[in-house]
N, C-alpha and C. Protein backbone atom coordinates (compact mmCIF):
# COMPACT_ATOMS: atom_id res chain seq x y z
N MET A 1 -10.92 -23.21 -24.92
CA MET A 1 -10.41 -22.16 -24.36
C MET A 1 -10.12 -22.45 -23.24
N ALA A 2 -8.85 -22.46 -22.65
CA ALA A 2 -8.32 -23.25 -21.42
C ALA A 2 -9.15 -21.60 -20.35
N ILE A 3 -9.28 -22.56 -19.07
CA ILE A 3 -9.64 -21.24 -18.12
C ILE A 3 -8.41 -20.61 -17.50
N ARG A 4 -8.41 -19.89 -17.65
CA ARG A 4 -7.39 -19.02 -16.76
C ARG A 4 -7.72 -19.07 -15.44
N THR A 5 -6.26 -19.62 -14.85
CA THR A 5 -6.05 -19.54 -13.35
C THR A 5 -6.35 -18.62 -12.27
N ARG A 6 -6.53 -18.42 -11.39
CA ARG A 6 -5.76 -17.32 -10.61
C ARG A 6 -4.88 -16.21 -10.17
N VAL A 7 -3.72 -17.22 -11.01
CA VAL A 7 -2.37 -16.94 -10.50
C VAL A 7 -1.81 -16.35 -12.05
N ASP A 8 -2.59 -17.04 -13.18
CA ASP A 8 -3.07 -16.43 -14.52
C ASP A 8 -3.78 -14.76 -14.37
N ARG A 9 -4.63 -15.23 -13.77
CA ARG A 9 -5.38 -13.53 -13.87
C ARG A 9 -4.42 -12.70 -12.90
N ALA A 10 -4.11 -13.01 -11.68
CA ALA A 10 -3.34 -11.98 -10.72
C ALA A 10 -1.84 -11.52 -11.10
N ARG A 11 -1.42 -12.04 -11.89
CA ARG A 11 0.22 -11.94 -12.47
C ARG A 11 0.17 -10.07 -13.65
N PRO A 12 -0.74 -10.35 -14.80
CA PRO A 12 -1.10 -8.82 -14.88
C PRO A 12 -1.08 -7.59 -13.81
N SER A 13 -2.21 -8.02 -12.55
CA SER A 13 -2.55 -7.30 -12.66
C SER A 13 -1.00 -6.73 -11.15
N ALA A 14 -0.56 -7.47 -10.76
CA ALA A 14 0.30 -7.45 -10.35
C ALA A 14 1.86 -6.05 -11.02
N GLY A 15 2.13 -6.69 -12.67
CA GLY A 15 2.44 -6.09 -13.02
C GLY A 15 2.13 -4.76 -13.58
N ILE A 16 0.53 -4.27 -13.52
CA ILE A 16 0.26 -3.02 -13.97
C ILE A 16 0.33 -2.33 -12.61
N ALA A 17 0.13 -3.08 -11.29
CA ALA A 17 0.45 -2.61 -9.89
C ALA A 17 1.45 -1.94 -10.07
N MET A 18 2.27 -2.46 -10.89
CA MET A 18 4.93 -2.22 -10.44
C MET A 18 4.97 -1.28 -11.36
N LEU A 19 4.33 -1.07 -12.63
CA LEU A 19 4.10 0.14 -13.44
C LEU A 19 3.93 1.64 -13.10
N ALA A 20 2.58 1.15 -12.30
CA ALA A 20 1.81 2.72 -12.06
C ALA A 20 3.14 3.20 -10.43
N LEU A 21 3.96 2.38 -9.99
CA LEU A 21 4.22 2.84 -8.76
C LEU A 21 5.84 3.11 -9.93
N GLN A 22 5.67 2.43 -10.22
CA GLN A 22 7.56 2.89 -10.87
C GLN A 22 7.10 4.21 -11.97
N GLN A 23 5.96 4.52 -12.31
CA GLN A 23 5.47 5.58 -12.94
C GLN A 23 5.82 7.65 -11.29
N ILE A 24 4.97 6.86 -10.26
CA ILE A 24 4.97 7.86 -9.71
C ILE A 24 6.53 7.55 -9.04
N GLU A 25 7.26 7.08 -9.10
CA GLU A 25 8.54 6.83 -8.17
C GLU A 25 9.25 7.99 -9.92
N ASP A 26 9.27 8.02 -10.84
CA ASP A 26 9.90 8.73 -12.07
C ASP A 26 9.17 10.29 -11.99
N GLU A 27 7.85 10.28 -10.97
CA GLU A 27 7.81 12.33 -10.74
C GLU A 27 8.34 12.47 -9.68
N LEU A 28 8.72 11.05 -8.84
CA LEU A 28 9.32 11.71 -8.03
C LEU A 28 10.78 11.97 -8.14
N ALA A 29 11.17 11.43 -8.65
CA ALA A 29 13.15 11.54 -9.15
C ALA A 29 12.88 12.95 -10.17
N ARG A 30 11.90 13.52 -10.28
CA ARG A 30 12.82 14.47 -11.19
C ARG A 30 13.18 15.73 -10.54
N ASP A 31 13.88 16.35 -11.06
CA ASP A 31 14.92 17.80 -10.00
C ASP A 31 14.11 18.71 -9.87
N ASP A 32 12.46 18.97 -10.92
CA ASP A 32 12.34 19.94 -10.40
C ASP A 32 10.96 20.40 -9.25
N VAL A 33 10.07 18.86 -8.71
CA VAL A 33 9.57 18.56 -8.03
C VAL A 33 9.70 19.21 -6.96
N THR A 34 8.84 20.45 -6.45
CA THR A 34 8.16 20.58 -4.75
C THR A 34 8.17 20.32 -3.88
N ALA A 35 8.65 21.06 -2.92
CA ALA A 35 8.22 20.11 -1.65
C ALA A 35 6.66 19.82 -1.40
N GLN A 36 5.93 20.78 -1.69
CA GLN A 36 4.86 20.56 -1.93
C GLN A 36 4.16 19.64 -2.76
N GLU A 37 4.75 19.55 -3.89
CA GLU A 37 3.71 18.22 -5.08
C GLU A 37 4.52 17.31 -3.91
N LEU A 38 5.87 16.59 -3.84
CA LEU A 38 5.50 15.73 -2.88
C LEU A 38 5.23 15.82 -1.82
N ALA A 39 5.09 16.40 -1.16
CA ALA A 39 3.99 16.21 0.00
C ALA A 39 2.64 15.49 -0.46
N GLU A 40 2.25 16.15 -1.90
CA GLU A 40 0.72 15.86 -2.46
C GLU A 40 1.04 14.03 -2.77
N ILE A 41 2.40 13.65 -3.81
CA ILE A 41 1.82 13.00 -3.83
C ILE A 41 2.10 11.45 -2.49
N VAL A 42 3.09 12.03 -1.90
CA VAL A 42 3.16 11.30 -0.59
C VAL A 42 1.94 10.64 0.74
N ARG A 43 1.17 11.85 0.27
CA ARG A 43 -0.48 11.34 0.70
C ARG A 43 -1.30 10.60 0.41
N GLU A 44 -1.03 10.49 -1.48
CA GLU A 44 -1.92 9.47 -2.21
C GLU A 44 -1.16 8.32 -0.99
N LEU A 45 -0.45 7.92 -0.95
CA LEU A 45 0.73 7.11 -1.28
C LEU A 45 -0.64 6.01 1.19
N HIS A 46 -0.66 7.68 1.47
CA HIS A 46 -0.84 7.30 3.29
C HIS A 46 -1.42 8.29 3.39
N ARG A 47 -3.59 8.75 3.20
CA ARG A 47 -4.25 9.47 3.88
C ARG A 47 -4.34 9.24 5.50
N GLU A 48 -4.39 10.15 6.76
CA GLU A 48 -4.14 9.95 7.62
C GLU A 48 -5.36 10.27 8.09
N ALA A 49 -6.48 11.19 7.27
CA ALA A 49 -7.71 11.03 8.07
C ALA A 49 -8.44 9.53 7.36
N ASP A 50 -8.07 8.94 6.69
CA ASP A 50 -8.75 7.49 6.13
C ASP A 50 -7.32 6.77 5.18
N PRO A 51 -6.45 5.81 5.88
CA PRO A 51 -5.81 5.58 5.42
C PRO A 51 -6.22 3.90 4.62
N GLN A 52 -7.07 4.09 5.06
CA GLN A 52 -7.89 2.80 4.10
C GLN A 52 -8.09 2.89 2.46
N GLU A 53 -8.09 4.85 2.45
CA GLU A 53 -7.38 4.98 1.05
C GLU A 53 -6.90 5.19 0.11
N GLY A 54 -5.89 5.23 0.91
CA GLY A 54 -4.37 5.53 0.54
C GLY A 54 -3.54 4.03 -0.08
N LEU A 55 -2.68 4.03 -0.79
CA LEU A 55 -2.05 3.23 -1.38
C LEU A 55 -1.55 2.08 -0.12
N PHE A 56 -1.47 2.56 1.03
CA PHE A 56 -0.95 1.49 1.71
C PHE A 56 -2.18 1.07 2.42
N GLY A 57 -2.95 1.53 2.20
CA GLY A 57 -3.95 0.64 2.88
C GLY A 57 -4.46 -0.15 2.40
N ALA A 58 -4.58 -0.11 0.42
CA ALA A 58 -5.28 -0.85 -0.03
C ALA A 58 -3.99 -2.10 -0.50
N LEU A 59 -2.57 -2.05 0.03
CA LEU A 59 -2.13 -2.40 0.75
C LEU A 59 -2.04 -3.61 1.72
N ALA A 60 -2.27 -2.93 2.68
CA ALA A 60 -2.92 -3.57 3.63
C ALA A 60 -3.52 -4.55 3.79
N GLN A 61 -4.56 -3.98 2.79
CA GLN A 61 -6.30 -4.77 2.45
C GLN A 61 -6.02 -5.72 2.64
N LEU A 62 -4.89 -5.65 0.93
CA LEU A 62 -5.06 -6.80 0.42
C LEU A 62 -4.11 -8.01 0.87
N LEU A 63 -3.17 -7.47 1.97
CA LEU A 63 -2.86 -9.30 2.57
C LEU A 63 -2.96 -9.41 3.32
N THR A 64 -4.71 -8.48 4.27
CA THR A 64 -5.01 -9.57 5.34
C THR A 64 -6.18 -10.36 4.75
N VAL A 65 -6.85 -9.71 3.26
CA VAL A 65 -7.45 -10.70 2.79
C VAL A 65 -6.44 -12.24 2.49
N ALA A 66 -5.15 -11.91 1.71
CA ALA A 66 -4.48 -13.41 1.63
C ALA A 66 -4.30 -13.90 3.43
N ALA A 67 -4.37 -13.33 4.26
CA ALA A 67 -4.01 -14.03 5.92
C ALA A 67 -5.26 -14.47 6.22
N ARG A 68 -6.51 -14.01 5.96
CA ARG A 68 -7.29 -14.28 6.02
C ARG A 68 -7.71 -15.80 6.04
N THR A 69 -7.20 -15.86 3.85
CA THR A 69 -7.67 -17.26 3.28
C THR A 69 -6.18 -17.91 3.29
N ALA A 70 -5.58 -17.62 4.21
CA ALA A 70 -3.83 -18.94 4.42
C ALA A 70 -4.71 -19.29 5.88
N GLU A 71 -5.89 -18.69 6.70
CA GLU A 71 -5.98 -19.02 7.95
C GLU A 71 -7.22 -20.24 7.55
N ARG A 72 -7.73 -20.28 6.66
CA ARG A 72 -8.68 -20.95 6.35
C ARG A 72 -7.96 -22.43 5.96
N LEU A 73 -7.01 -22.34 4.93
CA LEU A 73 -6.03 -23.35 3.97
C LEU A 73 -5.13 -24.22 5.03
N GLU A 74 -4.77 -23.45 6.47
CA GLU A 74 -3.64 -23.66 6.95
C GLU A 74 -4.13 -24.81 7.65
N PRO A 75 -2.93 -26.16 6.62
CA PRO A 75 -3.42 -27.68 7.81
C PRO A 75 -3.33 -27.56 9.41
N ASP A 76 -3.14 -27.55 10.43
CA ASP A 76 -2.37 -27.31 11.28
C ASP A 76 -3.32 -26.21 11.77
N ARG A 77 -3.61 -25.00 11.26
CA ARG A 77 -4.69 -24.45 11.93
C ARG A 77 -2.88 -23.83 12.86
N ASP A 78 -2.15 -23.23 12.40
CA ASP A 78 -1.00 -23.06 13.19
C ASP A 78 -1.11 -21.76 13.37
N GLY A 79 -1.24 -20.98 12.30
CA GLY A 79 -0.42 -19.52 11.81
C GLY A 79 0.65 -19.26 11.38
N ASP A 80 1.51 -20.47 10.41
CA ASP A 80 2.76 -19.80 10.40
C ASP A 80 2.14 -18.94 8.66
N ALA A 81 1.33 -19.40 8.22
CA ALA A 81 1.19 -18.68 7.16
C ALA A 81 0.40 -16.87 7.07
N SER A 82 -0.92 -17.43 8.24
CA SER A 82 -1.81 -16.58 8.17
C SER A 82 -0.74 -14.86 9.39
N CYS A 83 -0.60 -15.75 10.09
CA CYS A 83 0.68 -14.86 11.09
C CYS A 83 1.44 -13.86 10.23
N ALA A 84 2.01 -14.70 9.31
CA ALA A 84 3.77 -13.76 8.51
C ALA A 84 2.82 -13.22 7.90
N LEU A 85 1.26 -12.93 7.33
CA LEU A 85 0.70 -11.70 6.46
C LEU A 85 0.05 -10.94 6.69
N HIS A 86 -0.10 -11.40 8.10
CA HIS A 86 -1.06 -10.35 8.81
C HIS A 86 -0.56 -8.81 9.50
N GLU A 87 1.27 -9.19 9.82
CA GLU A 87 1.72 -8.49 10.66
C GLU A 87 2.11 -7.40 9.67
N PRO A 88 2.67 -8.07 8.54
CA PRO A 88 3.37 -7.20 7.29
C PRO A 88 1.54 -5.93 7.11
N ALA A 89 0.73 -6.99 7.30
CA ALA A 89 -0.69 -5.76 6.41
C ALA A 89 -0.87 -4.52 7.83
N ALA A 90 -0.53 -5.39 9.33
CA ALA A 90 -1.06 -4.24 10.49
C ALA A 90 0.40 -3.33 10.42
N LEU A 91 2.13 -3.60 9.86
CA LEU A 91 2.71 -2.97 9.21
C LEU A 91 2.92 -1.51 9.25
N ILE A 92 2.54 -1.52 8.00
CA ILE A 92 2.26 -1.19 6.82
C ILE A 92 1.91 -0.29 6.90
N THR A 93 0.41 0.22 7.52
CA THR A 93 -0.51 0.96 8.62
C THR A 93 -0.24 1.77 8.95
N ASP A 94 0.54 1.20 9.96
CA ASP A 94 1.32 1.61 11.11
C ASP A 94 2.75 2.63 11.31
N ASN A 95 3.57 1.67 11.67
CA ASN A 95 4.55 2.77 11.14
C ASN A 95 5.30 3.51 10.25
N PRO A 96 5.31 3.26 9.11
CA PRO A 96 5.47 3.18 7.21
C PRO A 96 4.08 4.62 7.24
N GLY A 97 2.96 3.95 7.87
CA GLY A 97 2.33 5.26 6.97
C GLY A 97 1.93 6.16 8.21
N LEU A 98 2.46 6.10 9.68
CA LEU A 98 2.73 7.59 10.57
C LEU A 98 4.24 8.55 10.21
N ARG A 99 4.97 7.54 9.80
CA ARG A 99 6.06 8.19 9.34
C ARG A 99 5.74 9.59 8.50
N ALA A 100 5.30 8.47 6.85
CA ALA A 100 4.58 9.25 5.76
C ALA A 100 4.36 10.88 6.14
N TYR A 101 3.37 10.66 7.04
CA TYR A 101 1.86 11.70 7.12
C TYR A 101 2.96 12.73 8.28
N TYR A 102 4.15 11.69 8.92
CA TYR A 102 5.21 13.49 9.63
C TYR A 102 6.02 13.42 8.29
N ALA A 103 5.92 13.45 7.57
CA ALA A 103 7.02 13.68 6.44
C ALA A 103 6.37 14.72 5.54
N THR A 104 4.70 14.59 5.26
CA THR A 104 3.46 15.50 4.17
C THR A 104 3.68 16.65 4.98
N ARG A 105 3.39 16.20 6.67
CA ARG A 105 3.25 17.88 7.75
C ARG A 105 4.83 18.45 7.56
N ALA A 106 6.20 17.88 7.24
CA ALA A 106 6.86 18.47 7.61
C ALA A 106 7.16 19.43 5.99
N LEU A 107 7.08 19.34 4.82
CA LEU A 107 7.29 19.25 3.99
C LEU A 107 6.24 21.14 3.40
N ASP A 108 4.82 20.18 3.92
CA ASP A 108 4.18 20.94 3.87
C ASP A 108 2.82 21.16 4.36
N PRO A 109 2.99 21.66 5.50
CA PRO A 109 2.36 21.89 7.41
C PRO A 109 0.66 22.69 6.33
N GLN A 110 0.92 23.43 5.42
CA GLN A 110 -0.98 24.17 5.20
C GLN A 110 -1.54 23.56 4.35
N GLY A 111 -1.03 21.90 3.78
CA GLY A 111 -1.34 21.17 2.72
C GLY A 111 -2.60 20.33 3.28
N GLU A 112 -2.41 20.34 4.50
CA GLU A 112 -2.92 19.17 5.48
C GLU A 112 -4.92 19.41 4.80
N ARG A 113 -5.16 18.08 4.04
CA ARG A 113 -6.12 18.58 3.52
C ARG A 113 -7.56 18.30 5.36
N ALA A 114 -8.13 18.71 5.12
CA ALA A 114 -9.65 18.56 6.01
C ALA A 114 -10.22 16.89 5.34
N PRO A 115 -10.50 16.71 6.72
CA PRO A 115 -11.06 15.08 6.59
C PRO A 115 -13.02 14.70 5.52
């Protein structure tokens, strides 16, 4: 029995994540979704009280781990690969996360959960 490579293990995991995102997208596209429901779903993407718990935070963490691995593997230690991964990791939780938070507050200002 051949040992599966990391890529062989990561590929189906990425596929599962994409299917899960498609399910969320399908829920959002329904005609009967309310502002409160939309706000709650978006809050699952970015949690203001603890951004690492939300989907954006998990994706940022994944990119950060990839960037750290790239730092170790870059032959010239010039940051071409690692910086290209660190930057989107930071941006995911900064700009899109903050905008998602503003959207949830506009849609359902009373629904903000206490930290």
